């Protein structure tokens, strides 16, 4: 089966934001069952939502950090903190996004988000002590 144009557009953006190594590794590990998820993620999320002209990638990354905090998804938040850095979101902006989300989502959600972000920011060497 040939890849759709939407998939190819999404794959390009997904690799640019999350890193080709991560994305290609996810695709390589996917069996037929998991490939259905990889396709929908790449086509809809990255090929449709991320390629629309209404928002810049930086803004989309900022929104993702807030939404993932609200949903209590620290593992996914870690991935998107790294992507946010790639898209030009600063450490100070990440901190402010997480503080803002904490007020609206609650202390437990904020704590999980801060811990996840701290781990990534430290690993990336961008956290100033």
C-alpha atoms as a PDB file:
ATOM      1  CA  UNK A   1       0.000   0.000   0.000  1.00  0.00           C
ATOM      2  CA  UNK A   2       1.395   3.410  -0.908  1.00  0.00           C
ATOM      3  CA  UNK A   3       1.621   6.060   1.760  1.00  0.00           C
ATOM      4  CA  UNK A   4      -0.940   8.832   1.613  1.00  0.00           C
ATOM      5  CA  UNK A   5       0.079  12.437   1.063  1.00  0.00           C
ATOM      6  CA  UNK A   6      -1.284  13.225   4.548  1.00  0.00           C
ATOM      7  CA  UNK A   7       0.902  10.488   6.070  1.00  0.00           C
ATOM      8  CA  UNK A   8       3.999  11.769   4.279  1.00  0.00           C
ATOM      9  CA  UNK A   9       3.335  15.375   5.357  1.00  0.00           C
ATOM     10  CA  UNK A  10       2.790  14.176   8.909  1.00  0.00           C
ATOM     11  CA  UNK A  11       5.908  12.049   8.896  1.00  0.00           C
ATOM     12  CA  UNK A  12       8.007  15.046   7.870  1.00  0.00           C
ATOM     13  CA  UNK A  13       6.645  17.226  10.690  1.00  0.00           C
ATOM     14  CA  UNK A  14       6.715  14.420  13.256  1.00  0.00           C
ATOM     15  CA  UNK A  15      10.387  13.738  12.496  1.00  0.00           C
ATOM     16  CA  UNK A  16      11.232  17.456  12.639  1.00  0.00           C
ATOM     17  CA  UNK A  17       9.585  17.955  16.030  1.00  0.00           C
ATOM     18  CA  UNK A  18      10.237  14.664  17.835  1.00  0.00           C
ATOM     19  CA  UNK A  19      13.420  13.581  16.087  1.00  0.00           C
ATOM     20  CA  UNK A  20      13.842  11.108  13.247  1.00  0.00           C
ATOM     21  CA  UNK A  21      15.411   8.507  15.530  1.00  0.00           C
ATOM     22  CA  UNK A  22      12.404   8.407  17.836  1.00  0.00           C
ATOM     23  CA  UNK A  23       9.830   8.420  15.031  1.00  0.00           C
ATOM     24  CA  UNK A  24      11.613   5.903  12.813  1.00  0.00           C
ATOM     25  CA  UNK A  25      12.147   3.660  15.839  1.00  0.00           C
ATOM     26  CA  UNK A  26       8.427   3.776  16.659  1.00  0.00           C
ATOM     27  CA  UNK A  27       7.545   2.866  13.090  1.00  0.00           C
ATOM     28  CA  UNK A  28      10.145   0.087  12.907  1.00  0.00           C
ATOM     29  CA  UNK A  29       8.847  -1.522  16.132  1.00  0.00           C
ATOM     30  CA  UNK A  30       5.218  -1.430  14.992  1.00  0.00           C
ATOM     31  CA  UNK A  31       3.674  -4.723  13.996  1.00  0.00           C
ATOM     32  CA  UNK A  32       0.494  -4.822  11.887  1.00  0.00           C
ATOM     33  CA  UNK A  33      -1.672  -4.167  14.963  1.00  0.00           C
ATOM     34  CA  UNK A  34       0.326  -1.139  16.222  1.00  0.00           C
ATOM     35  CA  UNK A  35       0.851   0.238  12.720  1.00  0.00           C
ATOM     36  CA  UNK A  36      -2.841   1.201  12.696  1.00  0.00           C
ATOM     37  CA  UNK A  37      -2.093   3.565  15.597  1.00  0.00           C
ATOM     38  CA  UNK A  38       1.093   4.846  13.934  1.00  0.00           C
ATOM     39  CA  UNK A  39      -0.870   5.662  10.793  1.00  0.00           C
ATOM     40  CA  UNK A  40      -3.663   7.540  12.547  1.00  0.00           C
ATOM     41  CA  UNK A  41      -1.172   9.463  14.680  1.00  0.00           C
ATOM     42  CA  UNK A  42       1.001  10.389  11.726  1.00  0.00           C
ATOM     43  CA  UNK A  43      -1.884  11.249   9.375  1.00  0.00           C
ATOM     44  CA  UNK A  44      -4.338  12.984  11.698  1.00  0.00           C
ATOM     45  CA  UNK A  45      -2.205  14.458  14.430  1.00  0.00           C
ATOM     46  CA  UNK A  46       0.940  15.345  12.507  1.00  0.00           C
ATOM     47  CA  UNK A  47      -0.324  15.449   8.902  1.00  0.00           C
ATOM     48  CA  UNK A  48      -3.583  17.267   9.551  1.00  0.00           C
ATOM     49  CA  UNK A  49      -3.439  19.203  12.834  1.00  0.00           C
ATOM     50  CA  UNK A  50       0.270  20.119  12.875  1.00  0.00           C
ATOM     51  CA  UNK A  51       0.381  21.232   9.234  1.00  0.00           C
ATOM     52  CA  UNK A  52      -2.571  23.615   9.359  1.00  0.00           C
ATOM     53  CA  UNK A  53      -1.612  27.266   8.766  1.00  0.00           C
ATOM     54  CA  UNK A  54      -3.423  28.790  11.768  1.00  0.00           C
ATOM     55  CA  UNK A  55      -0.740  28.286  14.449  1.00  0.00           C
ATOM     56  CA  UNK A  56       3.037  28.119  14.487  1.00  0.00           C
ATOM     57  CA  UNK A  57       4.752  24.960  15.732  1.00  0.00           C
ATOM     58  CA  UNK A  58       5.933  26.772  18.843  1.00  0.00           C
ATOM     59  CA  UNK A  59       2.350  27.646  19.779  1.00  0.00           C
ATOM     60  CA  UNK A  60       1.191  24.090  19.107  1.00  0.00           C
ATOM     61  CA  UNK A  61       3.943  22.782  21.383  1.00  0.00           C
ATOM     62  CA  UNK A  62       2.899  25.170  24.137  1.00  0.00           C
ATOM     63  CA  UNK A  63      -0.721  24.036  23.864  1.00  0.00           C
ATOM     64  CA  UNK A  64       0.376  20.385  23.966  1.00  0.00           C
ATOM     65  CA  UNK A  65       2.283  20.922  27.210  1.00  0.00           C
ATOM     66  CA  UNK A  66      -0.789  22.405  28.860  1.00  0.00           C
ATOM     67  CA  UNK A  67      -3.128  19.692  27.546  1.00  0.00           C
ATOM     68  CA  UNK A  68      -0.825  16.842  28.535  1.00  0.00           C
ATOM     69  CA  UNK A  69      -0.569  18.345  32.009  1.00  0.00           C
ATOM     70  CA  UNK A  70      -4.364  18.495  32.206  1.00  0.00           C
ATOM     71  CA  UNK A  71      -4.654  14.896  31.065  1.00  0.00           C
ATOM     72  CA  UNK A  72      -2.009  13.714  33.535  1.00  0.00           C
ATOM     73  CA  UNK A  73       0.187  12.131  30.864  1.00  0.00           C
ATOM     74  CA  UNK A  74       3.785  12.651  32.080  1.00  0.00           C
ATOM     75  CA  UNK A  75       5.360  10.104  29.715  1.00  0.00           C
ATOM     76  CA  UNK A  76       3.884  11.857  26.687  1.00  0.00           C
ATOM     77  CA  UNK A  77       4.689  15.238  28.258  1.00  0.00           C
ATOM     78  CA  UNK A  78       8.385  14.281  28.373  1.00  0.00           C
ATOM     79  CA  UNK A  79       8.366  13.644  24.648  1.00  0.00           C
ATOM     80  CA  UNK A  80       6.648  16.961  23.973  1.00  0.00           C
ATOM     81  CA  UNK A  81       8.965  18.953  26.272  1.00  0.00           C
ATOM     82  CA  UNK A  82      11.803  17.852  24.030  1.00  0.00           C
ATOM     83  CA  UNK A  83       9.720  18.735  20.967  1.00  0.00           C
ATOM     84  CA  UNK A  84       8.856  22.118  22.482  1.00  0.00           C
ATOM     85  CA  UNK A  85      12.565  22.894  22.866  1.00  0.00           C
ATOM     86  CA  UNK A  86      13.043  21.945  19.211  1.00  0.00           C
ATOM     87  CA  UNK A  87      10.212  24.326  18.302  1.00  0.00           C
ATOM     88  CA  UNK A  88      11.761  27.253  20.162  1.00  0.00           C
ATOM     89  CA  UNK A  89       9.896  27.154  23.473  1.00  0.00           C
ATOM     90  CA  UNK A  90      12.256  28.395  26.184  1.00  0.00           C
ATOM     91  CA  UNK A  91      12.779  26.850  29.603  1.00  0.00           C
ATOM     92  CA  UNK A  92      11.163  29.944  31.143  1.00  0.00           C
ATOM     93  CA  UNK A  93       8.124  29.572  28.875  1.00  0.00           C
ATOM     94  CA  UNK A  94       7.833  25.869  29.753  1.00  0.00           C
ATOM     95  CA  UNK A  95       7.892  26.782  33.440  1.00  0.00           C
ATOM     96  CA  UNK A  96       5.170  29.405  32.959  1.00  0.00           C
ATOM     97  CA  UNK A  97       2.996  27.022  30.924  1.00  0.00           C
ATOM     98  CA  UNK A  98       3.245  24.393  33.655  1.00  0.00           C
ATOM     99  CA  UNK A  99       2.515  26.922  36.406  1.00  0.00           C
ATOM    100  CA  UNK A 100      -0.529  28.167  34.516  1.00  0.00           C
ATOM    101  CA  UNK A 101      -1.730  24.607  33.915  1.00  0.00           C
ATOM    102  CA  UNK A 102      -1.178  23.759  37.588  1.00  0.00           C
ATOM    103  CA  UNK A 103      -3.581  26.508  38.641  1.00  0.00           C
ATOM    104  CA  UNK A 104      -6.304  25.184  36.346  1.00  0.00           C
ATOM    105  CA  UNK A 105      -5.563  21.430  36.574  1.00  0.00           C
ATOM    106  CA  UNK A 106      -4.539  21.061  40.206  1.00  0.00           C
ATOM    107  CA  UNK A 107      -1.401  20.477  42.205  1.00  0.00           C
ATOM    108  CA  UNK A 108      -1.086  16.710  41.537  1.00  0.00           C
ATOM    109  CA  UNK A 109      -1.241  17.218  37.757  1.00  0.00           C
ATOM    110  CA  UNK A 110       1.174  20.134  37.977  1.00  0.00           C
ATOM    111  CA  UNK A 111       3.615  18.182  40.129  1.00  0.00           C
ATOM    112  CA  UNK A 112       3.690  15.297  37.648  1.00  0.00           C
ATOM    113  CA  UNK A 113       4.219  17.733  34.789  1.00  0.00           C
ATOM    114  CA  UNK A 114       7.007  19.608  36.562  1.00  0.00           C
ATOM    115  CA  UNK A 115       8.790  16.361  37.457  1.00  0.00           C
ATOM    116  CA  UNK A 116       8.539  15.077  33.878  1.00  0.00           C
ATOM    117  CA  UNK A 117       9.702  18.378  32.381  1.00  0.00           C
ATOM    118  CA  UNK A 118      12.552  18.668  34.900  1.00  0.00           C
ATOM    119  CA  UNK A 119      13.822  15.229  33.923  1.00  0.00           C
ATOM    120  CA  UNK A 120      13.894  16.135  30.226  1.00  0.00           C
ATOM    121  CA  UNK A 121      15.302  19.636  30.693  1.00  0.00           C
ATOM    122  CA  UNK A 122      18.091  18.240  32.862  1.00  0.00           C
ATOM    123  CA  UNK A 123      18.857  15.478  30.354  1.00  0.00           C
ATOM    124  CA  UNK A 124      18.938  18.011  27.519  1.00  0.00           C
ATOM    125  CA  UNK A 125      21.340  20.217  29.488  1.00  0.00           C
ATOM    126  CA  UNK A 126      19.161  23.318  29.209  1.00  0.00           C
ATOM    127  CA  UNK A 127      18.083  23.695  32.815  1.00  0.00           C
ATOM    128  CA  UNK A 128      19.923  26.477  34.577  1.00  0.00           C
ATOM    129  CA  UNK A 129      20.463  25.874  38.288  1.00  0.00           C
END
